[in-house]
Amino acid sequence: MADVDAARRALEDALGAGLVLATLLEEGTGPLSPEAALLATAYLNTGDAAAAVASCASGLELAVTGFAADVAIAAEINSSEVVPMLQEGAFLAAPVSR
């Protein structure tokens, strides 16, 4: 397992941010900063983001410790009808309107 003190840029974070940013662009929000545009472009050109997350360093580390199913769930897109919202120190389900 990686040294917990070592900073590693996480592919899953970059792809998650890229998905959000690409969606914002699709909805007409913009322009994006160069950094945000890079993340959106990376997400849009990844192909199978779930496979990329499963095969990246973090995904592989989780898989070998028995958490491959968790990685697959974490990589799902548009699979939940709620958003966790922090209220008074606890996460509560906030319904999403579509």
N, C-alpha and C. Protein backbone atom coordinates (compact mmCIF):
# COMPACT_ATOMS: atom_id res chain seq x y z
N MET A 1 0.83 -1.18 0.00
CA MET A 1 0.00 0.00 0.00
C MET A 1 0.88 1.25 0.00
N ALA A 2 0.40 2.32 -0.56
CA ALA A 2 1.18 3.55 -0.67
C ALA A 2 1.39 4.18 0.70
N ASP A 3 2.48 4.90 0.83
CA ASP A 3 2.78 5.64 2.05
C ASP A 3 1.69 6.69 2.26
N VAL A 4 1.02 6.65 3.41
CA VAL A 4 -0.09 7.56 3.67
C VAL A 4 0.35 9.00 3.75
N ASP A 5 1.64 9.25 3.97
CA ASP A 5 2.14 10.62 4.03
C ASP A 5 2.49 11.17 2.66
N ALA A 6 2.59 10.31 1.67
CA ALA A 6 2.97 10.75 0.33
C ALA A 6 1.73 11.29 -0.39
N ALA A 7 1.89 12.44 -1.01
CA ALA A 7 0.79 13.03 -1.77
C ALA A 7 0.79 12.41 -3.17
N ARG A 8 -0.37 11.93 -3.58
CA ARG A 8 -0.51 11.36 -4.92
C ARG A 8 -1.76 11.96 -5.54
N ARG A 9 -1.61 12.45 -6.73
CA ARG A 9 -2.77 12.98 -7.45
C ARG A 9 -3.64 11.79 -7.84
N ALA A 10 -4.90 11.85 -7.50
CA ALA A 10 -5.78 10.70 -7.72
C ALA A 10 -6.51 10.83 -9.05
N LEU A 11 -6.39 9.81 -9.88
CA LEU A 11 -7.08 9.79 -11.16
C LEU A 11 -8.58 9.89 -10.94
N GLU A 12 -9.08 9.18 -9.93
CA GLU A 12 -10.54 9.20 -9.70
C GLU A 12 -11.04 10.60 -9.36
N ASP A 13 -10.24 11.39 -8.67
CA ASP A 13 -10.63 12.78 -8.37
C ASP A 13 -10.64 13.62 -9.64
N ALA A 14 -9.61 13.46 -10.46
CA ALA A 14 -9.53 14.22 -11.71
C ALA A 14 -10.69 13.87 -12.64
N LEU A 15 -11.01 12.58 -12.75
CA LEU A 15 -12.11 12.17 -13.63
C LEU A 15 -13.46 12.62 -13.08
N GLY A 16 -13.63 12.56 -11.76
CA GLY A 16 -14.88 13.04 -11.16
C GLY A 16 -15.08 14.52 -11.39
N ALA A 17 -14.01 15.30 -11.18
CA ALA A 17 -14.09 16.74 -11.44
C ALA A 17 -14.34 17.00 -12.92
N GLY A 18 -13.66 16.23 -13.78
CA GLY A 18 -13.85 16.39 -15.22
C GLY A 18 -15.28 16.11 -15.65
N LEU A 19 -15.91 15.10 -15.05
CA LEU A 19 -17.31 14.80 -15.35
C LEU A 19 -18.21 15.97 -14.97
N VAL A 20 -18.02 16.51 -13.78
CA VAL A 20 -18.82 17.65 -13.34
C VAL A 20 -18.63 18.84 -14.28
N LEU A 21 -17.38 19.12 -14.61
CA LEU A 21 -17.09 20.26 -15.48
C LEU A 21 -17.62 20.06 -16.89
N ALA A 22 -17.49 18.86 -17.44
CA ALA A 22 -18.02 18.57 -18.76
C ALA A 22 -19.54 18.72 -18.78
N THR A 23 -20.19 18.31 -17.70
CA THR A 23 -21.64 18.46 -17.59
C THR A 23 -22.03 19.93 -17.52
N LEU A 24 -21.28 20.71 -16.77
CA LEU A 24 -21.55 22.15 -16.70
C LEU A 24 -21.42 22.79 -18.08
N LEU A 25 -20.40 22.41 -18.83
CA LEU A 25 -20.25 22.94 -20.19
C LEU A 25 -21.42 22.54 -21.07
N GLU A 26 -21.84 21.29 -20.94
CA GLU A 26 -22.98 20.78 -21.72
C GLU A 26 -24.25 21.58 -21.41
N GLU A 27 -24.37 22.03 -20.17
CA GLU A 27 -25.54 22.81 -19.74
C GLU A 27 -25.41 24.28 -20.09
N GLY A 28 -24.29 24.68 -20.69
CA GLY A 28 -24.13 26.06 -21.11
C GLY A 28 -23.36 26.95 -20.15
N THR A 29 -22.80 26.37 -19.11
CA THR A 29 -22.01 27.14 -18.16
C THR A 29 -20.60 27.30 -18.73
N GLY A 30 -20.03 28.44 -18.55
CA GLY A 30 -18.67 28.62 -19.03
C GLY A 30 -18.37 30.09 -19.15
N PRO A 31 -17.22 30.45 -19.56
CA PRO A 31 -16.12 29.58 -19.97
C PRO A 31 -15.40 28.98 -18.77
N LEU A 32 -14.68 27.90 -19.03
CA LEU A 32 -13.90 27.25 -17.98
C LEU A 32 -12.49 27.81 -17.96
N SER A 33 -11.87 27.75 -16.80
CA SER A 33 -10.45 28.10 -16.69
C SER A 33 -9.66 27.05 -17.48
N PRO A 34 -8.42 27.34 -17.83
CA PRO A 34 -7.61 26.33 -18.53
C PRO A 34 -7.48 25.02 -17.74
N GLU A 35 -7.35 25.14 -16.42
CA GLU A 35 -7.23 23.94 -15.58
C GLU A 35 -8.52 23.11 -15.62
N ALA A 36 -9.65 23.79 -15.53
CA ALA A 36 -10.94 23.10 -15.56
C ALA A 36 -11.19 22.49 -16.94
N ALA A 37 -10.82 23.22 -17.99
CA ALA A 37 -10.98 22.69 -19.35
C ALA A 37 -10.14 21.44 -19.55
N LEU A 38 -8.94 21.42 -18.97
CA LEU A 38 -8.08 20.24 -19.06
C LEU A 38 -8.75 19.03 -18.44
N LEU A 39 -9.35 19.20 -17.26
CA LEU A 39 -10.02 18.09 -16.58
C LEU A 39 -11.24 17.62 -17.37
N ALA A 40 -12.02 18.56 -17.89
CA ALA A 40 -13.19 18.18 -18.69
C ALA A 40 -12.76 17.40 -19.93
N THR A 41 -11.72 17.87 -20.59
CA THR A 41 -11.21 17.20 -21.79
C THR A 41 -10.68 15.81 -21.44
N ALA A 42 -9.98 15.71 -20.34
CA ALA A 42 -9.46 14.39 -19.91
C ALA A 42 -10.62 13.42 -19.69
N TYR A 43 -11.66 13.87 -19.00
CA TYR A 43 -12.81 12.98 -18.76
C TYR A 43 -13.45 12.57 -20.09
N LEU A 44 -13.72 13.54 -20.95
CA LEU A 44 -14.41 13.26 -22.21
C LEU A 44 -13.62 12.33 -23.12
N ASN A 45 -12.29 12.31 -22.96
CA ASN A 45 -11.45 11.49 -23.83
C ASN A 45 -10.95 10.22 -23.16
N THR A 46 -11.43 9.92 -21.97
CA THR A 46 -10.98 8.73 -21.27
C THR A 46 -11.61 7.46 -21.83
N GLY A 47 -12.81 7.55 -22.35
CA GLY A 47 -13.49 6.36 -22.82
C GLY A 47 -14.25 5.74 -21.67
N ASP A 48 -13.75 4.65 -21.14
CA ASP A 48 -14.40 3.94 -20.04
C ASP A 48 -13.80 4.42 -18.71
N ALA A 49 -14.42 5.44 -18.12
CA ALA A 49 -13.90 6.02 -16.88
C ALA A 49 -13.91 5.00 -15.75
N ALA A 50 -14.93 4.16 -15.68
CA ALA A 50 -14.98 3.16 -14.60
C ALA A 50 -13.81 2.18 -14.71
N ALA A 51 -13.46 1.77 -15.92
CA ALA A 51 -12.32 0.88 -16.11
C ALA A 51 -11.02 1.59 -15.75
N ALA A 52 -10.93 2.88 -16.08
CA ALA A 52 -9.72 3.64 -15.74
C ALA A 52 -9.56 3.73 -14.23
N VAL A 53 -10.65 3.98 -13.53
CA VAL A 53 -10.59 4.07 -12.06
C VAL A 53 -10.23 2.72 -11.46
N ALA A 54 -10.80 1.66 -11.98
CA ALA A 54 -10.52 0.33 -11.46
C ALA A 54 -9.06 -0.07 -11.67
N SER A 55 -8.44 0.43 -12.74
CA SER A 55 -7.06 0.02 -13.04
C SER A 55 -6.01 1.04 -12.60
N CYS A 56 -6.43 2.15 -11.98
CA CYS A 56 -5.44 3.12 -11.49
C CYS A 56 -4.88 2.64 -10.15
N ALA A 57 -3.85 3.32 -9.66
CA ALA A 57 -3.17 2.90 -8.43
C ALA A 57 -4.14 2.73 -7.26
N SER A 58 -5.01 3.71 -7.04
CA SER A 58 -5.96 3.63 -5.92
C SER A 58 -6.94 2.47 -6.11
N GLY A 59 -7.45 2.32 -7.32
CA GLY A 59 -8.40 1.25 -7.60
C GLY A 59 -7.79 -0.12 -7.38
N LEU A 60 -6.55 -0.29 -7.83
CA LEU A 60 -5.87 -1.57 -7.65
C LEU A 60 -5.58 -1.85 -6.18
N GLU A 61 -5.16 -0.82 -5.44
CA GLU A 61 -4.92 -0.99 -4.00
C GLU A 61 -6.19 -1.42 -3.28
N LEU A 62 -7.30 -0.80 -3.63
CA LEU A 62 -8.57 -1.17 -3.00
C LEU A 62 -8.99 -2.58 -3.40
N ALA A 63 -8.78 -2.95 -4.64
CA ALA A 63 -9.16 -4.28 -5.10
C ALA A 63 -8.40 -5.38 -4.36
N VAL A 64 -7.10 -5.19 -4.17
CA VAL A 64 -6.32 -6.24 -3.50
C VAL A 64 -6.64 -6.34 -2.02
N THR A 65 -7.29 -5.33 -1.46
CA THR A 65 -7.68 -5.40 -0.05
C THR A 65 -9.16 -5.75 0.10
N GLY A 66 -9.79 -6.18 -1.01
CA GLY A 66 -11.16 -6.68 -0.94
C GLY A 66 -12.25 -5.65 -1.21
N PHE A 67 -11.89 -4.52 -1.79
CA PHE A 67 -12.88 -3.47 -2.00
C PHE A 67 -13.13 -3.15 -3.47
N ALA A 68 -12.94 -4.11 -4.35
CA ALA A 68 -13.17 -3.89 -5.77
C ALA A 68 -14.62 -3.49 -6.05
N ALA A 69 -15.57 -4.09 -5.33
CA ALA A 69 -16.99 -3.74 -5.53
C ALA A 69 -17.26 -2.30 -5.15
N ASP A 70 -16.58 -1.82 -4.12
CA ASP A 70 -16.74 -0.43 -3.71
C ASP A 70 -16.23 0.52 -4.78
N VAL A 71 -15.13 0.14 -5.42
CA VAL A 71 -14.58 0.96 -6.51
C VAL A 71 -15.59 1.03 -7.64
N ALA A 72 -16.18 -0.09 -7.99
CA ALA A 72 -17.18 -0.11 -9.06
C ALA A 72 -18.38 0.77 -8.72
N ILE A 73 -18.85 0.70 -7.49
CA ILE A 73 -19.98 1.53 -7.07
C ILE A 73 -19.61 3.01 -7.11
N ALA A 74 -18.40 3.33 -6.65
CA ALA A 74 -17.96 4.73 -6.63
C ALA A 74 -17.84 5.31 -8.04
N ALA A 75 -17.61 4.46 -9.04
CA ALA A 75 -17.43 4.93 -10.41
C ALA A 75 -18.75 5.02 -11.18
N GLU A 76 -19.85 4.64 -10.55
CA GLU A 76 -21.15 4.72 -11.24
C GLU A 76 -21.54 6.17 -11.47
N ILE A 77 -22.21 6.42 -12.60
CA ILE A 77 -22.64 7.77 -12.97
C ILE A 77 -24.17 7.80 -13.02
N ASN A 78 -24.74 8.83 -12.42
CA ASN A 78 -26.20 9.02 -12.40
C ASN A 78 -26.94 7.80 -11.84
N SER A 79 -26.38 7.22 -10.79
CA SER A 79 -26.99 6.02 -10.22
C SER A 79 -27.77 6.29 -8.94
N SER A 80 -27.78 7.53 -8.49
CA SER A 80 -28.45 7.86 -7.23
C SER A 80 -29.46 8.97 -7.43
N GLU A 81 -30.54 8.90 -6.69
CA GLU A 81 -31.57 9.93 -6.76
C GLU A 81 -31.45 10.94 -5.62
N VAL A 82 -30.39 10.81 -4.82
CA VAL A 82 -30.18 11.74 -3.71
C VAL A 82 -28.75 12.26 -3.72
N VAL A 83 -28.58 13.38 -3.06
CA VAL A 83 -27.27 13.99 -2.88
C VAL A 83 -27.04 14.11 -1.38
N PRO A 84 -25.87 13.68 -0.88
CA PRO A 84 -25.63 13.84 0.55
C PRO A 84 -25.44 15.32 0.88
N MET A 85 -26.12 15.77 1.90
CA MET A 85 -26.05 17.16 2.33
C MET A 85 -25.70 17.19 3.81
N LEU A 86 -24.66 17.93 4.17
CA LEU A 86 -24.22 18.02 5.55
C LEU A 86 -25.10 19.02 6.28
N GLN A 87 -25.80 18.53 7.31
CA GLN A 87 -26.66 19.38 8.12
C GLN A 87 -26.42 19.05 9.58
N GLU A 88 -26.00 20.04 10.34
CA GLU A 88 -25.75 19.89 11.77
C GLU A 88 -24.84 18.71 12.08
N GLY A 89 -23.77 18.57 11.28
CA GLY A 89 -22.77 17.54 11.55
C GLY A 89 -23.11 16.15 11.05
N ALA A 90 -24.20 15.98 10.32
CA ALA A 90 -24.58 14.66 9.81
C ALA A 90 -24.96 14.78 8.34
N PHE A 91 -24.66 13.74 7.57
CA PHE A 91 -25.07 13.72 6.17
C PHE A 91 -26.50 13.21 6.08
N LEU A 92 -27.34 13.97 5.40
CA LEU A 92 -28.73 13.61 5.17
C LEU A 92 -28.98 13.57 3.66
N ALA A 93 -29.94 12.80 3.25
CA ALA A 93 -30.26 12.69 1.83
C ALA A 93 -31.10 13.90 1.41
N ALA A 94 -30.59 14.62 0.42
CA ALA A 94 -31.32 15.74 -0.17
C ALA A 94 -31.81 15.27 -1.54
N PRO A 95 -33.11 15.19 -1.75
CA PRO A 95 -33.63 14.71 -3.04
C PRO A 95 -33.15 15.59 -4.20
N VAL A 96 -32.91 14.93 -5.32
CA VAL A 96 -32.48 15.62 -6.53
C VAL A 96 -33.68 15.80 -7.44
N SER A 97 -33.88 17.02 -7.91
CA SER A 97 -34.96 17.24 -8.88
C SER A 97 -34.36 17.22 -10.28
N ARG A 98 -35.02 16.52 -11.16
CA ARG A 98 -34.51 16.42 -12.55
C ARG A 98 -35.49 17.01 -13.50
